[in-house]
Amino acid sequence: MHTGVTSLAKLSDMAEMYPFAGYEPFFSVIALVFFVAFIAKQISMDKQLHEELLDHSSEAVPTPAE
């Protein structure tokens, strides 16, 4: 397969080689928001499970692995 590039002398004049070029900061912000939301949800679920285990401490509560 031939790309048509014979010299790298005018590399700065070439166009982008992949789609969505220039959207990297936008996608980084989306990934950061997703990460923060995911971690917040995990913390709230762990906190809820912990409270449930404390509320039923006198009873036999199955562990999450069971």
N, C-alpha and C. Protein backbone atom coordinates (compact mmCIF):
# COMPACT_ATOMS: atom_id res chain seq x y z
N MET A 1 0.85 -1.17 0.00
CA MET A 1 0.00 0.00 0.00
C MET A 1 0.90 1.24 0.00
N HIS A 2 0.60 2.15 -0.87
CA HIS A 2 1.41 3.35 -1.02
C HIS A 2 0.62 4.56 -0.54
N THR A 3 1.24 5.37 0.33
CA THR A 3 0.56 6.54 0.89
C THR A 3 0.73 7.79 0.04
N GLY A 4 1.67 7.78 -0.85
CA GLY A 4 1.93 8.95 -1.68
C GLY A 4 2.93 9.90 -1.06
N VAL A 5 3.40 9.62 0.13
CA VAL A 5 4.39 10.46 0.79
C VAL A 5 5.78 9.99 0.37
N THR A 6 6.51 10.89 -0.26
CA THR A 6 7.85 10.54 -0.71
C THR A 6 8.93 11.25 0.10
N SER A 7 8.56 12.34 0.78
CA SER A 7 9.52 13.09 1.56
C SER A 7 8.82 13.70 2.78
N LEU A 8 9.53 13.77 3.88
CA LEU A 8 8.98 14.37 5.09
C LEU A 8 9.42 15.83 5.26
N ALA A 9 9.92 16.42 4.19
CA ALA A 9 10.40 17.80 4.25
C ALA A 9 9.26 18.78 4.53
N LYS A 10 8.08 18.52 4.00
CA LYS A 10 6.93 19.42 4.21
C LYS A 10 5.91 18.74 5.13
N LEU A 11 6.38 18.22 6.22
CA LEU A 11 5.50 17.50 7.15
C LEU A 11 4.44 18.41 7.75
N SER A 12 4.78 19.65 8.03
CA SER A 12 3.82 20.57 8.64
C SER A 12 2.69 20.95 7.68
N ASP A 13 2.89 20.77 6.37
CA ASP A 13 1.84 21.09 5.39
C ASP A 13 0.85 19.96 5.21
N MET A 14 1.14 18.80 5.73
CA MET A 14 0.24 17.66 5.58
C MET A 14 -0.99 17.83 6.46
N ALA A 15 -2.08 17.24 6.03
CA ALA A 15 -3.32 17.28 6.80
C ALA A 15 -3.27 16.22 7.89
N GLU A 16 -4.28 16.24 8.74
CA GLU A 16 -4.36 15.26 9.81
C GLU A 16 -4.51 13.86 9.24
N MET A 17 -3.98 12.91 9.96
CA MET A 17 -4.00 11.53 9.48
C MET A 17 -5.07 10.69 10.16
N TYR A 18 -5.93 11.31 10.98
CA TYR A 18 -6.95 10.55 11.68
C TYR A 18 -8.20 11.43 11.83
N PRO A 19 -9.35 10.80 12.00
CA PRO A 19 -10.58 11.60 12.15
C PRO A 19 -10.65 12.29 13.50
N PHE A 20 -11.42 13.31 13.60
CA PHE A 20 -11.66 14.08 14.82
C PHE A 20 -10.40 14.76 15.34
N ALA A 21 -9.52 15.13 14.47
CA ALA A 21 -8.31 15.83 14.90
C ALA A 21 -8.70 17.20 15.46
N GLY A 22 -8.14 17.55 16.58
CA GLY A 22 -8.45 18.82 17.23
C GLY A 22 -9.48 18.69 18.33
N TYR A 23 -10.12 17.53 18.44
CA TYR A 23 -11.14 17.32 19.47
C TYR A 23 -10.57 16.64 20.72
N GLU A 24 -9.26 16.49 20.80
CA GLU A 24 -8.66 15.79 21.93
C GLU A 24 -9.00 16.44 23.27
N PRO A 25 -8.94 17.77 23.41
CA PRO A 25 -9.31 18.37 24.70
C PRO A 25 -10.78 18.09 25.06
N PHE A 26 -11.66 18.15 24.09
CA PHE A 26 -13.07 17.88 24.33
C PHE A 26 -13.28 16.45 24.81
N PHE A 27 -12.63 15.49 24.15
CA PHE A 27 -12.76 14.09 24.55
C PHE A 27 -12.11 13.85 25.91
N SER A 28 -11.06 14.58 26.22
CA SER A 28 -10.42 14.46 27.54
C SER A 28 -11.36 14.94 28.64
N VAL A 29 -12.07 16.02 28.39
CA VAL A 29 -13.03 16.53 29.37
C VAL A 29 -14.16 15.52 29.55
N ILE A 30 -14.65 14.95 28.47
CA ILE A 30 -15.70 13.93 28.57
C ILE A 30 -15.20 12.74 29.40
N ALA A 31 -13.98 12.29 29.14
CA ALA A 31 -13.43 11.16 29.89
C ALA A 31 -13.28 11.52 31.37
N LEU A 32 -12.84 12.73 31.67
CA LEU A 32 -12.69 13.17 33.05
C LEU A 32 -14.04 13.22 33.77
N VAL A 33 -15.06 13.75 33.11
CA VAL A 33 -16.39 13.82 33.70
C VAL A 33 -16.92 12.41 33.96
N PHE A 34 -16.75 11.51 33.00
CA PHE A 34 -17.19 10.13 33.18
C PHE A 34 -16.46 9.49 34.36
N PHE A 35 -15.15 9.70 34.46
CA PHE A 35 -14.35 9.13 35.54
C PHE A 35 -14.83 9.63 36.90
N VAL A 36 -15.04 10.92 37.01
CA VAL A 36 -15.49 11.50 38.29
C VAL A 36 -16.87 10.97 38.65
N ALA A 37 -17.78 10.90 37.68
CA ALA A 37 -19.12 10.38 37.95
C ALA A 37 -19.06 8.90 38.35
N PHE A 38 -18.22 8.14 37.69
CA PHE A 38 -18.08 6.72 38.00
C PHE A 38 -17.56 6.53 39.43
N ILE A 39 -16.52 7.27 39.79
CA ILE A 39 -15.95 7.15 41.13
C ILE A 39 -16.96 7.60 42.19
N ALA A 40 -17.69 8.67 41.92
CA ALA A 40 -18.70 9.15 42.87
C ALA A 40 -19.80 8.10 43.06
N LYS A 41 -20.22 7.47 41.98
CA LYS A 41 -21.25 6.41 42.08
C LYS A 41 -20.72 5.23 42.87
N GLN A 42 -19.47 4.84 42.63
CA GLN A 42 -18.88 3.72 43.37
C GLN A 42 -18.79 4.04 44.86
N ILE A 43 -18.41 5.25 45.20
CA ILE A 43 -18.31 5.65 46.60
C ILE A 43 -19.69 5.61 47.26
N SER A 44 -20.71 6.11 46.57
CA SER A 44 -22.05 6.11 47.15
C SER A 44 -22.57 4.68 47.32
N MET A 45 -22.28 3.80 46.37
CA MET A 45 -22.72 2.41 46.49
C MET A 45 -22.00 1.71 47.65
N ASP A 46 -20.69 1.97 47.81
CA ASP A 46 -19.95 1.39 48.91
C ASP A 46 -20.44 1.91 50.25
N LYS A 47 -20.75 3.19 50.29
CA LYS A 47 -21.26 3.79 51.52
C LYS A 47 -22.62 3.19 51.89
N GLN A 48 -23.47 3.00 50.89
CA GLN A 48 -24.78 2.40 51.13
C GLN A 48 -24.63 0.97 51.63
N LEU A 49 -23.75 0.20 51.03
CA LEU A 49 -23.51 -1.17 51.47
C LEU A 49 -22.96 -1.19 52.89
N HIS A 50 -22.05 -0.29 53.18
CA HIS A 50 -21.47 -0.21 54.52
C HIS A 50 -22.54 0.11 55.56
N GLU A 51 -23.41 1.06 55.25
CA GLU A 51 -24.50 1.41 56.18
C GLU A 51 -25.44 0.23 56.37
N GLU A 52 -25.72 -0.49 55.30
CA GLU A 52 -26.60 -1.66 55.39
C GLU A 52 -25.97 -2.74 56.26
N LEU A 53 -24.69 -2.94 56.13
CA LEU A 53 -24.01 -3.93 56.96
C LEU A 53 -23.99 -3.52 58.43
N LEU A 54 -23.85 -2.22 58.68
CA LEU A 54 -23.88 -1.74 60.06
C LEU A 54 -25.27 -1.85 60.67
N ASP A 55 -26.30 -1.61 59.87
CA ASP A 55 -27.68 -1.69 60.36
C ASP A 55 -28.06 -3.12 60.74
N HIS A 56 -27.51 -4.09 60.06
CA HIS A 56 -27.86 -5.49 60.29
C HIS A 56 -26.71 -6.25 60.95
N SER A 57 -25.99 -5.57 61.81
CA SER A 57 -24.80 -6.21 62.39
C SER A 57 -25.15 -7.41 63.27
N SER A 58 -26.34 -7.43 63.88
CA SER A 58 -26.70 -8.55 64.74
C SER A 58 -27.23 -9.74 63.94
N GLU A 59 -27.63 -9.49 62.70
CA GLU A 59 -28.14 -10.55 61.83
C GLU A 59 -27.03 -11.04 60.92
N ALA A 60 -27.23 -12.20 60.36
CA ALA A 60 -26.26 -12.74 59.40
C ALA A 60 -26.54 -12.13 58.04
N VAL A 61 -25.68 -11.27 57.59
CA VAL A 61 -25.83 -10.62 56.28
C VAL A 61 -24.82 -11.23 55.34
N PRO A 62 -25.27 -11.71 54.19
CA PRO A 62 -24.30 -12.30 53.24
C PRO A 62 -23.36 -11.23 52.71
N THR A 63 -22.14 -11.64 52.50
CA THR A 63 -21.17 -10.71 51.93
C THR A 63 -21.44 -10.55 50.45
N PRO A 64 -20.94 -9.48 49.83
CA PRO A 64 -21.18 -9.28 48.40
C PRO A 64 -20.62 -10.41 47.53
N ALA A 65 -19.63 -11.14 48.03
CA ALA A 65 -19.04 -12.21 47.25
C ALA A 65 -19.92 -13.46 47.22
N GLU A 66 -20.88 -13.56 48.11
CA GLU A 66 -21.73 -14.76 48.16
C GLU A 66 -22.89 -14.66 47.23
